[in-house]
């Protein structure tokens, strides 16, 4: 294992310290809780958005904390859910009196712990609610979930609901919007390599030099099938067939498109993939709205691979998706 770290057991704390030093004008870190909050939190009278999960998916989650997106993000150990106490500390730090909304990816530990955090918050007079994202069309159940996994489509919930909260939408309105986004977003991923968590020092799975895994999760969970590596267009065809054939009717609609790198994929290859995504969508009568989002949004350490996400847009989502945001990840939207 070759990684630019000091000690595996300190990698999350060291990362968060570096983030705070690099982006002190945007965020601050509650070090004893490994929680990233926007520098001006709490914002009085605004619904606060809190998300989080295991580390190793950067820039998700802390990289999307700031005006226009998340108010706080809880960083668990690599690929491990944050604790309810972390989530409760985040809630207290950002509660501006209008309630706290949790964006939770559908992984069993995340769901249970955020539910417990909500109960702790309610006991302290903090009104809470949540959405569980489940955009992955690859498998119905997985190693870490009951039901579909929440993957890169979650970023669209962060962005749209973060902008809506800054615009003054109340807690019930944020929940309705988050559920609407989640019900209209679908994703699927693939991998050419595994990844190596720092504490184990071993790849999560073994894969041959000439093999790829279709339908992986963001923790290296198994996908639909393992097969020989194919040309990019063929890979895109297989993934889009699954996405377009799912329960959302994308035909004739405007969509936001994300081609998301898994951490170890050159941008060159992401654009190669997007070129065929665009061709297929045009052929299928699906209109790409504004511009695609191509880059690393929700990664899996150094895994080579990518995911495709389509979000069927409505008139309310569009201005929120393009509203300004100021986050450590730069200007991703």
C-alpha atoms as a PDB file:
ATOM      1  CA  UNK A   1       0.000   0.000   0.000  1.00  0.00           C
ATOM      2  CA  UNK A   2       1.333   3.418  -1.015  1.00  0.00           C
ATOM      3  CA  UNK A   3      -0.581   6.405   0.352  1.00  0.00           C
ATOM      4  CA  UNK A   4       0.292   9.965   1.294  1.00  0.00           C
ATOM      5  CA  UNK A   5      -0.672   9.634   4.957  1.00  0.00           C
ATOM      6  CA  UNK A   6       0.958   9.748   8.372  1.00  0.00           C
ATOM      7  CA  UNK A   7      -0.841   7.014  10.273  1.00  0.00           C
ATOM      8  CA  UNK A   8      -3.893   5.048   9.104  1.00  0.00           C
ATOM      9  CA  UNK A   9      -5.717   5.631  12.371  1.00  0.00           C
ATOM     10  CA  UNK A  10      -5.285   9.416  12.036  1.00  0.00           C
ATOM     11  CA  UNK A  11      -6.084   9.856   8.367  1.00  0.00           C
ATOM     12  CA  UNK A  12      -9.575  11.341   8.854  1.00  0.00           C
ATOM     13  CA  UNK A  13      -8.467  13.800  11.531  1.00  0.00           C
ATOM     14  CA  UNK A  14      -5.443  14.853   9.459  1.00  0.00           C
ATOM     15  CA  UNK A  15      -7.631  15.321   6.373  1.00  0.00           C
ATOM     16  CA  UNK A  16     -10.124  17.490   8.254  1.00  0.00           C
ATOM     17  CA  UNK A  17      -7.367  19.623   9.756  1.00  0.00           C
ATOM     18  CA  UNK A  18      -5.994  20.209   6.269  1.00  0.00           C
ATOM     19  CA  UNK A  19      -9.437  21.094   4.945  1.00  0.00           C
ATOM     20  CA  UNK A  20      -9.969  23.648   7.703  1.00  0.00           C
ATOM     21  CA  UNK A  21      -6.560  25.226   7.153  1.00  0.00           C
ATOM     22  CA  UNK A  22      -7.121  25.386   3.401  1.00  0.00           C
ATOM     23  CA  UNK A  23     -10.706  26.669   3.524  1.00  0.00           C
ATOM     24  CA  UNK A  24     -10.966  28.528   6.816  1.00  0.00           C
ATOM     25  CA  UNK A  25     -13.112  31.239   5.311  1.00  0.00           C
ATOM     26  CA  UNK A  26     -15.746  28.701   4.310  1.00  0.00           C
ATOM     27  CA  UNK A  27     -15.737  25.990   6.957  1.00  0.00           C
ATOM     28  CA  UNK A  28     -14.701  25.152  10.477  1.00  0.00           C
ATOM     29  CA  UNK A  29     -14.193  21.742  12.038  1.00  0.00           C
ATOM     30  CA  UNK A  30     -15.461  20.507  15.389  1.00  0.00           C
ATOM     31  CA  UNK A  31     -12.367  18.368  15.987  1.00  0.00           C
ATOM     32  CA  UNK A  32     -13.633  16.211  18.843  1.00  0.00           C
ATOM     33  CA  UNK A  33     -16.584  15.183  16.660  1.00  0.00           C
ATOM     34  CA  UNK A  34     -15.010  15.159  13.161  1.00  0.00           C
ATOM     35  CA  UNK A  35     -17.805  17.420  11.960  1.00  0.00           C
ATOM     36  CA  UNK A  36     -17.393  20.055   9.230  1.00  0.00           C
ATOM     37  CA  UNK A  37     -19.735  23.076   9.491  1.00  0.00           C
ATOM     38  CA  UNK A  38     -20.086  26.188   7.379  1.00  0.00           C
ATOM     39  CA  UNK A  39     -18.143  29.069   8.884  1.00  0.00           C
ATOM     40  CA  UNK A  40     -21.203  31.255   9.457  1.00  0.00           C
ATOM     41  CA  UNK A  41     -23.312  28.543  11.107  1.00  0.00           C
ATOM     42  CA  UNK A  42     -25.858  28.639  12.556  1.00  0.00           C
ATOM     43  CA  UNK A  43     -27.814  30.779  10.108  1.00  0.00           C
ATOM     44  CA  UNK A  44     -30.842  32.064  11.972  1.00  0.00           C
ATOM     45  CA  UNK A  45     -34.243  31.259  10.504  1.00  0.00           C
ATOM     46  CA  UNK A  46     -32.898  28.868   7.839  1.00  0.00           C
ATOM     47  CA  UNK A  47     -33.416  25.126   7.610  1.00  0.00           C
ATOM     48  CA  UNK A  48     -29.993  23.535   8.104  1.00  0.00           C
ATOM     49  CA  UNK A  49     -28.928  20.647   5.856  1.00  0.00           C
ATOM     50  CA  UNK A  50     -26.735  17.940   7.399  1.00  0.00           C
ATOM     51  CA  UNK A  51     -25.274  14.953   5.601  1.00  0.00           C
ATOM     52  CA  UNK A  52     -22.377  12.615   6.169  1.00  0.00           C
ATOM     53  CA  UNK A  53     -21.074   9.107   5.927  1.00  0.00           C
ATOM     54  CA  UNK A  54     -17.829   7.230   5.894  1.00  0.00           C
ATOM     55  CA  UNK A  55     -14.744   9.074   4.734  1.00  0.00           C
ATOM     56  CA  UNK A  56     -13.040   8.057   1.501  1.00  0.00           C
ATOM     57  CA  UNK A  57     -15.688   9.544  -0.819  1.00  0.00           C
ATOM     58  CA  UNK A  58     -14.202  13.029  -1.052  1.00  0.00           C
ATOM     59  CA  UNK A  59     -15.162  15.666  -2.023  1.00  0.00           C
ATOM     60  CA  UNK A  60     -18.341  14.183  -0.544  1.00  0.00           C
ATOM     61  CA  UNK A  61     -19.304  15.119   2.150  1.00  0.00           C
ATOM     62  CA  UNK A  62     -17.263  17.911   3.718  1.00  0.00           C
ATOM     63  CA  UNK A  63     -16.293  19.373   0.365  1.00  0.00           C
ATOM     64  CA  UNK A  64     -19.917  20.356  -0.201  1.00  0.00           C
ATOM     65  CA  UNK A  65     -20.350  22.295   3.044  1.00  0.00           C
ATOM     66  CA  UNK A  66     -20.947  26.007   2.546  1.00  0.00           C
ATOM     67  CA  UNK A  67     -23.513  28.572   1.411  1.00  0.00           C
ATOM     68  CA  UNK A  68     -25.832  27.066  -1.168  1.00  0.00           C
ATOM     69  CA  UNK A  69     -25.275  23.429  -0.175  1.00  0.00           C
ATOM     70  CA  UNK A  70     -24.737  21.699   3.188  1.00  0.00           C
ATOM     71  CA  UNK A  71     -24.578  23.350   6.589  1.00  0.00           C
ATOM     72  CA  UNK A  72     -22.662  20.439   8.107  1.00  0.00           C
ATOM     73  CA  UNK A  73     -21.149  17.067   7.242  1.00  0.00           C
ATOM     74  CA  UNK A  74     -20.199  14.249   9.604  1.00  0.00           C
ATOM     75  CA  UNK A  75     -17.048  12.310   8.731  1.00  0.00           C
ATOM     76  CA  UNK A  76     -16.941   8.705   9.846  1.00  0.00           C
ATOM     77  CA  UNK A  77     -13.893   6.508   9.583  1.00  0.00           C
ATOM     78  CA  UNK A  78     -13.133   5.306   6.065  1.00  0.00           C
ATOM     79  CA  UNK A  79     -16.252   3.574   4.688  1.00  0.00           C
ATOM     80  CA  UNK A  80     -17.808   3.557   8.182  1.00  0.00           C
ATOM     81  CA  UNK A  81     -20.922   5.413   9.269  1.00  0.00           C
ATOM     82  CA  UNK A  82     -20.538   8.392  11.609  1.00  0.00           C
ATOM     83  CA  UNK A  83     -22.001   7.895  15.067  1.00  0.00           C
ATOM     84  CA  UNK A  84     -25.306   9.339  16.312  1.00  0.00           C
ATOM     85  CA  UNK A  85     -23.317  11.565  18.668  1.00  0.00           C
ATOM     86  CA  UNK A  86     -21.436  13.095  15.726  1.00  0.00           C
ATOM     87  CA  UNK A  87     -24.687  13.740  13.919  1.00  0.00           C
ATOM     88  CA  UNK A  88     -26.251  15.244  17.045  1.00  0.00           C
ATOM     89  CA  UNK A  89     -23.268  17.582  17.516  1.00  0.00           C
ATOM     90  CA  UNK A  90     -23.622  18.655  13.890  1.00  0.00           C
ATOM     91  CA  UNK A  91     -27.324  19.331  14.430  1.00  0.00           C
ATOM     92  CA  UNK A  92     -26.695  21.492  17.472  1.00  0.00           C
ATOM     93  CA  UNK A  93     -23.950  23.422  15.702  1.00  0.00           C
ATOM     94  CA  UNK A  94     -26.076  24.422  12.715  1.00  0.00           C
ATOM     95  CA  UNK A  95     -29.619  24.657  14.083  1.00  0.00           C
ATOM     96  CA  UNK A  96     -30.870  28.174  13.369  1.00  0.00           C
ATOM     97  CA  UNK A  97     -34.345  27.603  14.754  1.00  0.00           C
ATOM     98  CA  UNK A  98     -36.051  26.458  11.538  1.00  0.00           C
ATOM     99  CA  UNK A  99     -35.164  22.781  11.857  1.00  0.00           C
ATOM    100  CA  UNK A 100     -32.463  20.425  10.621  1.00  0.00           C
ATOM    101  CA  UNK A 101     -32.845  18.222   7.551  1.00  0.00           C
ATOM    102  CA  UNK A 102     -30.716  15.103   7.118  1.00  0.00           C
ATOM    103  CA  UNK A 103     -29.696  13.818   3.677  1.00  0.00           C
ATOM    104  CA  UNK A 104     -28.927  10.152   4.261  1.00  0.00           C
ATOM    105  CA  UNK A 105     -27.604   7.647   1.738  1.00  0.00           C
ATOM    106  CA  UNK A 106     -29.288   4.256   1.985  1.00  0.00           C
ATOM    107  CA  UNK A 107     -26.681   2.355   3.947  1.00  0.00           C
ATOM    108  CA  UNK A 108     -27.917   0.564   7.046  1.00  0.00           C
ATOM    109  CA  UNK A 109     -25.526   2.210   9.519  1.00  0.00           C
ATOM    110  CA  UNK A 110     -26.137   5.698   8.149  1.00  0.00           C
ATOM    111  CA  UNK A 111     -29.920   5.320   8.294  1.00  0.00           C
ATOM    112  CA  UNK A 112     -30.007   3.926  11.829  1.00  0.00           C
ATOM    113  CA  UNK A 113     -27.555   6.482  13.186  1.00  0.00           C
ATOM    114  CA  UNK A 114     -29.248   9.482  11.613  1.00  0.00           C
ATOM    115  CA  UNK A 115     -32.594   8.261  12.969  1.00  0.00           C
ATOM    116  CA  UNK A 116     -31.061   8.079  16.452  1.00  0.00           C
ATOM    117  CA  UNK A 117     -29.528  11.544  16.020  1.00  0.00           C
ATOM    118  CA  UNK A 118     -32.935  12.892  15.068  1.00  0.00           C
ATOM    119  CA  UNK A 119     -34.393  11.465  18.257  1.00  0.00           C
ATOM    120  CA  UNK A 120     -31.621  13.115  20.291  1.00  0.00           C
ATOM    121  CA  UNK A 121     -32.276  16.397  18.512  1.00  0.00           C
ATOM    122  CA  UNK A 122     -36.022  16.265  19.051  1.00  0.00           C
ATOM    123  CA  UNK A 123     -35.402  15.656  22.773  1.00  0.00           C
ATOM    124  CA  UNK A 124     -33.422  18.914  22.809  1.00  0.00           C
ATOM    125  CA  UNK A 125     -36.121  20.832  20.967  1.00  0.00           C
ATOM    126  CA  UNK A 126     -34.510  20.643  17.496  1.00  0.00           C
ATOM    127  CA  UNK A 127     -37.065  19.781  14.840  1.00  0.00           C
ATOM    128  CA  UNK A 128     -35.618  17.268  12.365  1.00  0.00           C
ATOM    129  CA  UNK A 129     -36.606  15.362   9.264  1.00  0.00           C
ATOM    130  CA  UNK A 130     -34.756  13.376   6.606  1.00  0.00           C
ATOM    131  CA  UNK A 131     -34.661  11.753   3.201  1.00  0.00           C
ATOM    132  CA  UNK A 132     -32.971   8.433   2.394  1.00  0.00           C
ATOM    133  CA  UNK A 133     -31.446   8.499  -1.090  1.00  0.00           C
ATOM    134  CA  UNK A 134     -31.523   5.293  -3.151  1.00  0.00           C
ATOM    135  CA  UNK A 135     -30.626   6.175  -6.734  1.00  0.00           C
ATOM    136  CA  UNK A 136     -28.505   3.119  -7.619  1.00  0.00           C
ATOM    137  CA  UNK A 137     -30.287   0.950 -10.184  1.00  0.00           C
ATOM    138  CA  UNK A 138     -27.668  -1.824 -10.190  1.00  0.00           C
ATOM    139  CA  UNK A 139     -28.985  -4.052  -7.400  1.00  0.00           C
ATOM    140  CA  UNK A 140     -32.090  -4.179  -5.208  1.00  0.00           C
ATOM    141  CA  UNK A 141     -30.184  -5.190  -2.060  1.00  0.00           C
ATOM    142  CA  UNK A 142     -26.467  -5.154  -1.322  1.00  0.00           C
ATOM    143  CA  UNK A 143     -23.828  -5.925   1.272  1.00  0.00           C
ATOM    144  CA  UNK A 144     -24.557  -2.729   3.175  1.00  0.00           C
ATOM    145  CA  UNK A 145     -28.227  -2.084   2.443  1.00  0.00           C
ATOM    146  CA  UNK A 146     -31.782  -3.232   2.456  1.00  0.00           C
ATOM    147  CA  UNK A 147     -33.058  -1.750  -0.771  1.00  0.00           C
ATOM    148  CA  UNK A 148     -31.157   0.272  -3.323  1.00  0.00           C
ATOM    149  CA  UNK A 149     -27.949   2.090  -2.432  1.00  0.00           C
ATOM    150  CA  UNK A 150     -27.583   5.847  -2.316  1.00  0.00           C
ATOM    151  CA  UNK A 151     -24.712   6.934  -4.555  1.00  0.00           C
ATOM    152  CA  UNK A 152     -23.749   9.970  -6.673  1.00  0.00           C
ATOM    153  CA  UNK A 153     -27.318  11.111  -7.303  1.00  0.00           C
ATOM    154  CA  UNK A 154     -27.288  12.218  -3.660  1.00  0.00           C
ATOM    155  CA  UNK A 155     -25.198  15.224  -4.732  1.00  0.00           C
ATOM    156  CA  UNK A 156     -28.171  16.616  -6.647  1.00  0.00           C
ATOM    157  CA  UNK A 157     -30.220  16.450  -3.428  1.00  0.00           C
ATOM    158  CA  UNK A 158     -27.461  18.338  -1.595  1.00  0.00           C
ATOM    159  CA  UNK A 159     -27.334  21.041  -4.224  1.00  0.00           C
ATOM    160  CA  UNK A 160     -31.014  21.565  -4.960  1.00  0.00           C
ATOM    161  CA  UNK A 161     -32.194  21.362  -1.358  1.00  0.00           C
ATOM    162  CA  UNK A 162     -29.245  23.424  -0.112  1.00  0.00           C
ATOM    163  CA  UNK A 163     -30.196  26.233  -2.475  1.00  0.00           C
ATOM    164  CA  UNK A 164     -33.861  25.910  -1.522  1.00  0.00           C
ATOM    165  CA  UNK A 165     -32.995  26.173   2.168  1.00  0.00           C
ATOM    166  CA  UNK A 166     -30.934  29.297   1.528  1.00  0.00           C
ATOM    167  CA  UNK A 167     -33.943  30.626  -0.389  1.00  0.00           C
ATOM    168  CA  UNK A 168     -36.107  30.280   2.721  1.00  0.00           C
ATOM    169  CA  UNK A 169     -38.053  27.072   2.050  1.00  0.00           C
ATOM    170  CA  UNK A 170     -39.342  25.538   5.290  1.00  0.00           C
ATOM    171  CA  UNK A 171     -38.614  22.055   6.663  1.00  0.00           C
ATOM    172  CA  UNK A 172     -41.725  20.437   5.188  1.00  0.00           C
ATOM    173  CA  UNK A 173     -40.973  22.029   1.822  1.00  0.00           C
ATOM    174  CA  UNK A 174     -37.372  20.799   1.895  1.00  0.00           C
ATOM    175  CA  UNK A 175     -38.527  17.268   2.649  1.00  0.00           C
ATOM    176  CA  UNK A 176     -41.012  17.284  -0.232  1.00  0.00           C
ATOM    177  CA  UNK A 177     -38.396  18.650  -2.631  1.00  0.00           C
ATOM    178  CA  UNK A 178     -35.748  16.148  -1.484  1.00  0.00           C
ATOM    179  CA  UNK A 179     -38.121  13.245  -1.972  1.00  0.00           C
ATOM    180  CA  UNK A 180     -39.072  14.545  -5.416  1.00  0.00           C
ATOM    181  CA  UNK A 181     -35.433  14.812  -6.483  1.00  0.00           C
ATOM    182  CA  UNK A 182     -34.678  11.363  -5.095  1.00  0.00           C
ATOM    183  CA  UNK A 183     -37.639   9.800  -6.893  1.00  0.00           C
ATOM    184  CA  UNK A 184     -36.472  11.241 -10.225  1.00  0.00           C
ATOM    185  CA  UNK A 185     -32.737  10.463 -10.089  1.00  0.00           C
ATOM    186  CA  UNK A 186     -31.090   7.216 -11.173  1.00  0.00           C
ATOM    187  CA  UNK A 187     -27.423   6.146 -11.175  1.00  0.00           C
ATOM    188  CA  UNK A 188     -25.153   3.228 -11.940  1.00  0.00           C
ATOM    189  CA  UNK A 189     -21.407   2.685 -11.514  1.00  0.00           C
ATOM    190  CA  UNK A 190     -18.572   0.471 -12.706  1.00  0.00           C
ATOM    191  CA  UNK A 191     -14.983  -0.215 -11.694  1.00  0.00           C
ATOM    192  CA  UNK A 192     -11.763  -1.294 -13.325  1.00  0.00           C
ATOM    193  CA  UNK A 193      -9.887  -1.675 -10.026  1.00  0.00           C
ATOM    194  CA  UNK A 194     -10.575  -2.060  -6.350  1.00  0.00           C
ATOM    195  CA  UNK A 195      -9.507   0.425  -3.685  1.00  0.00           C
ATOM    196  CA  UNK A 196      -7.430   0.039  -0.517  1.00  0.00           C
ATOM    197  CA  UNK A 197      -8.706   1.427   2.811  1.00  0.00           C
ATOM    198  CA  UNK A 198      -5.756   2.811   4.819  1.00  0.00           C
ATOM    199  CA  UNK A 199      -6.441   0.844   7.998  1.00  0.00           C
ATOM    200  CA  UNK A 200      -6.632  -2.573   6.326  1.00  0.00           C
ATOM    201  CA  UNK A 201      -3.890  -1.942   3.772  1.00  0.00           C
ATOM    202  CA  UNK A 202      -5.528  -4.503   1.487  1.00  0.00           C
ATOM    203  CA  UNK A 203      -7.717  -4.115  -1.605  1.00  0.00           C
ATOM    204  CA  UNK A 204     -11.400  -4.706  -0.908  1.00  0.00           C
ATOM    205  CA  UNK A 205     -11.662  -7.170  -3.792  1.00  0.00           C
ATOM    206  CA  UNK A 206      -9.368  -8.826  -6.315  1.00  0.00           C
ATOM    207  CA  UNK A 207      -9.944  -8.185  -9.983  1.00  0.00           C
ATOM    208  CA  UNK A 208      -7.977  -9.317 -12.992  1.00  0.00           C
ATOM    209  CA  UNK A 209      -6.025  -6.955 -15.216  1.00  0.00           C
ATOM    210  CA  UNK A 210      -8.450  -7.670 -18.061  1.00  0.00           C
ATOM    211  CA  UNK A 211     -11.648  -7.504 -15.963  1.00  0.00           C
ATOM    212  CA  UNK A 212     -14.208  -4.897 -14.916  1.00  0.00           C
ATOM    213  CA  UNK A 213     -17.038  -4.922 -12.380  1.00  0.00           C
ATOM    214  CA  UNK A 214     -20.384  -3.524 -13.549  1.00  0.00           C
ATOM    215  CA  UNK A 215     -22.754  -2.081 -10.953  1.00  0.00           C
ATOM    216  CA  UNK A 216     -20.375  -1.570  -8.029  1.00  0.00           C
ATOM    217  CA  UNK A 217     -21.215   0.513  -4.972  1.00  0.00           C
ATOM    218  CA  UNK A 218     -19.113   3.326  -3.539  1.00  0.00           C
ATOM    219  CA  UNK A 219     -17.513   1.021  -0.959  1.00  0.00           C
ATOM    220  CA  UNK A 220     -16.407  -1.542  -3.523  1.00  0.00           C
ATOM    221  CA  UNK A 221     -19.481  -3.704  -3.052  1.00  0.00           C
ATOM    222  CA  UNK A 222     -20.041  -6.301  -5.775  1.00  0.00           C
ATOM    223  CA  UNK A 223     -22.075  -5.296  -8.779  1.00  0.00           C
ATOM    224  CA  UNK A 224     -24.213  -7.019 -11.368  1.00  0.00           C
ATOM    225  CA  UNK A 225     -21.452  -8.945 -13.073  1.00  0.00           C
ATOM    226  CA  UNK A 226     -17.746  -9.233 -13.678  1.00  0.00           C
ATOM    227  CA  UNK A 227     -16.638  -9.414 -17.285  1.00  0.00           C
ATOM    228  CA  UNK A 228     -13.776  -8.598 -19.617  1.00  0.00           C
ATOM    229  CA  UNK A 229     -12.941  -4.926 -20.083  1.00  0.00           C
ATOM    230  CA  UNK A 230     -14.842  -3.463 -23.023  1.00  0.00           C
ATOM    231  CA  UNK A 231     -14.569  -0.211 -25.025  1.00  0.00           C
ATOM    232  CA  UNK A 232     -15.982   2.873 -23.315  1.00  0.00           C
ATOM    233  CA  UNK A 233     -19.016   3.113 -25.611  1.00  0.00           C
ATOM    234  CA  UNK A 234     -20.032  -0.450 -24.830  1.00  0.00           C
ATOM    235  CA  UNK A 235     -19.715   0.162 -21.081  1.00  0.00           C
ATOM    236  CA  UNK A 236     -21.842   3.314 -21.335  1.00  0.00           C
ATOM    237  CA  UNK A 237     -24.453   1.456 -23.407  1.00  0.00           C
ATOM    238  CA  UNK A 238     -24.798  -1.217 -20.730  1.00  0.00           C
ATOM    239  CA  UNK A 239     -25.119   1.285 -17.880  1.00  0.00           C
ATOM    240  CA  UNK A 240     -27.565   3.579 -19.687  1.00  0.00           C
ATOM    241  CA  UNK A 241     -29.720   0.652 -20.759  1.00  0.00           C
ATOM    242  CA  UNK A 242     -30.223  -0.138 -17.066  1.00  0.00           C
ATOM    243  CA  UNK A 243     -30.813   3.497 -16.065  1.00  0.00           C
ATOM    244  CA  UNK A 244     -33.175   4.343 -18.931  1.00  0.00           C
ATOM    245  CA  UNK A 245     -35.036   1.072 -18.492  1.00  0.00           C
ATOM    246  CA  UNK A 246     -35.789   1.721 -14.829  1.00  0.00           C
ATOM    247  CA  UNK A 247     -38.952   3.217 -13.314  1.00  0.00           C
ATOM    248  CA  UNK A 248     -38.298   6.883 -14.251  1.00  0.00           C
ATOM    249  CA  UNK A 249     -39.506   7.758 -17.739  1.00  0.00           C
ATOM    250  CA  UNK A 250     -36.777  10.039 -19.066  1.00  0.00           C
ATOM    251  CA  UNK A 251     -38.067  10.121 -22.648  1.00  0.00           C
ATOM    252  CA  UNK A 252     -38.805  13.623 -23.921  1.00  0.00           C
ATOM    253  CA  UNK A 253     -37.600  15.208 -20.690  1.00  0.00           C
ATOM    254  CA  UNK A 254     -34.787  17.549 -19.713  1.00  0.00           C
ATOM    255  CA  UNK A 255     -32.163  15.925 -17.509  1.00  0.00           C
ATOM    256  CA  UNK A 256     -29.179  16.926 -15.454  1.00  0.00           C
ATOM    257  CA  UNK A 257     -26.340  14.515 -16.247  1.00  0.00           C
ATOM    258  CA  UNK A 258     -23.410  13.612 -14.021  1.00  0.00           C
ATOM    259  CA  UNK A 259     -20.454  11.466 -15.063  1.00  0.00           C
ATOM    260  CA  UNK A 260     -18.728  10.940 -11.745  1.00  0.00           C
ATOM    261  CA  UNK A 261     -15.183   9.664 -11.310  1.00  0.00           C
ATOM    262  CA  UNK A 262     -14.541   7.057  -8.614  1.00  0.00           C
ATOM    263  CA  UNK A 263     -11.246   8.635  -7.537  1.00  0.00           C
ATOM    264  CA  UNK A 264      -8.668   7.065  -9.808  1.00  0.00           C
ATOM    265  CA  UNK A 265     -10.033   7.789 -13.271  1.00  0.00           C
ATOM    266  CA  UNK A 266      -8.373  10.452 -15.452  1.00  0.00           C
ATOM    267  CA  UNK A 267     -10.660  13.288 -16.523  1.00  0.00           C
ATOM    268  CA  UNK A 268      -9.763  12.361 -20.105  1.00  0.00           C
ATOM    269  CA  UNK A 269     -11.586   9.059 -19.663  1.00  0.00           C
ATOM    270  CA  UNK A 270     -14.596  10.685 -18.007  1.00  0.00           C
ATOM    271  CA  UNK A 271     -15.044  12.905 -21.060  1.00  0.00           C
ATOM    272  CA  UNK A 272     -14.674   9.894 -23.358  1.00  0.00           C
ATOM    273  CA  UNK A 273     -17.535   8.296 -21.433  1.00  0.00           C
ATOM    274  CA  UNK A 274     -19.641  11.462 -21.501  1.00  0.00           C
ATOM    275  CA  UNK A 275     -19.296  11.800 -25.274  1.00  0.00           C
ATOM    276  CA  UNK A 276     -21.196   8.562 -25.750  1.00  0.00           C
ATOM    277  CA  UNK A 277     -23.643   9.371 -22.944  1.00  0.00           C
ATOM    278  CA  UNK A 278     -24.572  12.509 -24.913  1.00  0.00           C
ATOM    279  CA  UNK A 279     -24.952  10.523 -28.145  1.00  0.00           C
ATOM    280  CA  UNK A 280     -27.214   7.934 -26.543  1.00  0.00           C
ATOM    281  CA  UNK A 281     -29.415  10.504 -24.827  1.00  0.00           C
ATOM    282  CA  UNK A 282     -29.846  12.430 -28.088  1.00  0.00           C
ATOM    283  CA  UNK A 283     -30.802   9.232 -29.871  1.00  0.00           C
ATOM    284  CA  UNK A 284     -33.325   8.423 -27.144  1.00  0.00           C
ATOM    285  CA  UNK A 285     -34.909  11.870 -27.227  1.00  0.00           C
ATOM    286  CA  UNK A 286     -33.605  12.920 -23.813  1.00  0.00           C
ATOM    287  CA  UNK A 287     -32.381  16.520 -23.652  1.00  0.00           C
ATOM    288  CA  UNK A 288     -29.274  17.362 -21.605  1.00  0.00           C
ATOM    289  CA  UNK A 289     -30.127  20.535 -19.727  1.00  0.00           C
ATOM    290  CA  UNK A 290     -27.579  23.363 -19.546  1.00  0.00           C
ATOM    291  CA  UNK A 291     -24.330  21.446 -19.169  1.00  0.00           C
ATOM    292  CA  UNK A 292     -23.188  18.084 -17.816  1.00  0.00           C
ATOM    293  CA  UNK A 293     -21.341  17.625 -14.536  1.00  0.00           C
ATOM    294  CA  UNK A 294     -18.147  15.714 -15.288  1.00  0.00           C
ATOM    295  CA  UNK A 295     -15.562  15.104 -12.576  1.00  0.00           C
ATOM    296  CA  UNK A 296     -15.050  13.622  -9.118  1.00  0.00           C
ATOM    297  CA  UNK A 297     -18.118  14.186  -6.941  1.00  0.00           C
ATOM    298  CA  UNK A 298     -18.516  10.988  -4.909  1.00  0.00           C
ATOM    299  CA  UNK A 299     -15.438   8.778  -5.016  1.00  0.00           C
ATOM    300  CA  UNK A 300     -14.235   5.500  -3.573  1.00  0.00           C
ATOM    301  CA  UNK A 301     -10.653   6.333  -2.541  1.00  0.00           C
ATOM    302  CA  UNK A 302      -8.416   5.514  -5.528  1.00  0.00           C
ATOM    303  CA  UNK A 303     -10.797   3.198  -7.377  1.00  0.00           C
ATOM    304  CA  UNK A 304     -10.644   3.460 -11.164  1.00  0.00           C
ATOM    305  CA  UNK A 305     -14.114   3.647 -12.648  1.00  0.00           C
ATOM    306  CA  UNK A 306     -17.080   5.971 -13.014  1.00  0.00           C
ATOM    307  CA  UNK A 307     -20.807   6.296 -12.508  1.00  0.00           C
ATOM    308  CA  UNK A 308     -23.558   7.855 -14.597  1.00  0.00           C
ATOM    309  CA  UNK A 309     -26.441   9.783 -13.014  1.00  0.00           C
ATOM    310  CA  UNK A 310     -29.545  11.184 -14.689  1.00  0.00           C
ATOM    311  CA  UNK A 311     -31.955  13.541 -12.918  1.00  0.00           C
ATOM    312  CA  UNK A 312     -35.305  14.266 -14.553  1.00  0.00           C
ATOM    313  CA  UNK A 313     -35.815  17.980 -13.948  1.00  0.00           C
ATOM    314  CA  UNK A 314     -38.859  20.088 -13.264  1.00  0.00           C
ATOM    315  CA  UNK A 315     -39.203  23.866 -13.285  1.00  0.00           C
ATOM    316  CA  UNK A 316     -38.538  24.241  -9.557  1.00  0.00           C
ATOM    317  CA  UNK A 317     -35.335  22.198  -9.561  1.00  0.00           C
ATOM    318  CA  UNK A 318     -33.601  24.120 -12.360  1.00  0.00           C
ATOM    319  CA  UNK A 319     -32.967  27.490 -10.634  1.00  0.00           C
ATOM    320  CA  UNK A 320     -31.881  25.737  -7.459  1.00  0.00           C
ATOM    321  CA  UNK A 321     -29.428  23.581  -9.392  1.00  0.00           C
ATOM    322  CA  UNK A 322     -27.828  26.671 -10.955  1.00  0.00           C
ATOM    323  CA  UNK A 323     -27.980  28.897  -7.852  1.00  0.00           C
ATOM    324  CA  UNK A 324     -24.546  30.012  -6.580  1.00  0.00           C
ATOM    325  CA  UNK A 325     -22.771  27.920  -3.969  1.00  0.00           C
ATOM    326  CA  UNK A 326     -19.478  28.476  -2.192  1.00  0.00           C
ATOM    327  CA  UNK A 327     -17.929  25.220  -1.011  1.00  0.00           C
ATOM    328  CA  UNK A 328     -14.491  23.727  -0.449  1.00  0.00           C
ATOM    329  CA  UNK A 329     -14.862  21.526  -3.538  1.00  0.00           C
ATOM    330  CA  UNK A 330     -14.677  24.671  -5.648  1.00  0.00           C
ATOM    331  CA  UNK A 331     -17.379  25.622  -8.128  1.00  0.00           C
ATOM    332  CA  UNK A 332     -18.739  22.201  -9.053  1.00  0.00           C
ATOM    333  CA  UNK A 333     -22.155  23.553 -10.086  1.00  0.00           C
END
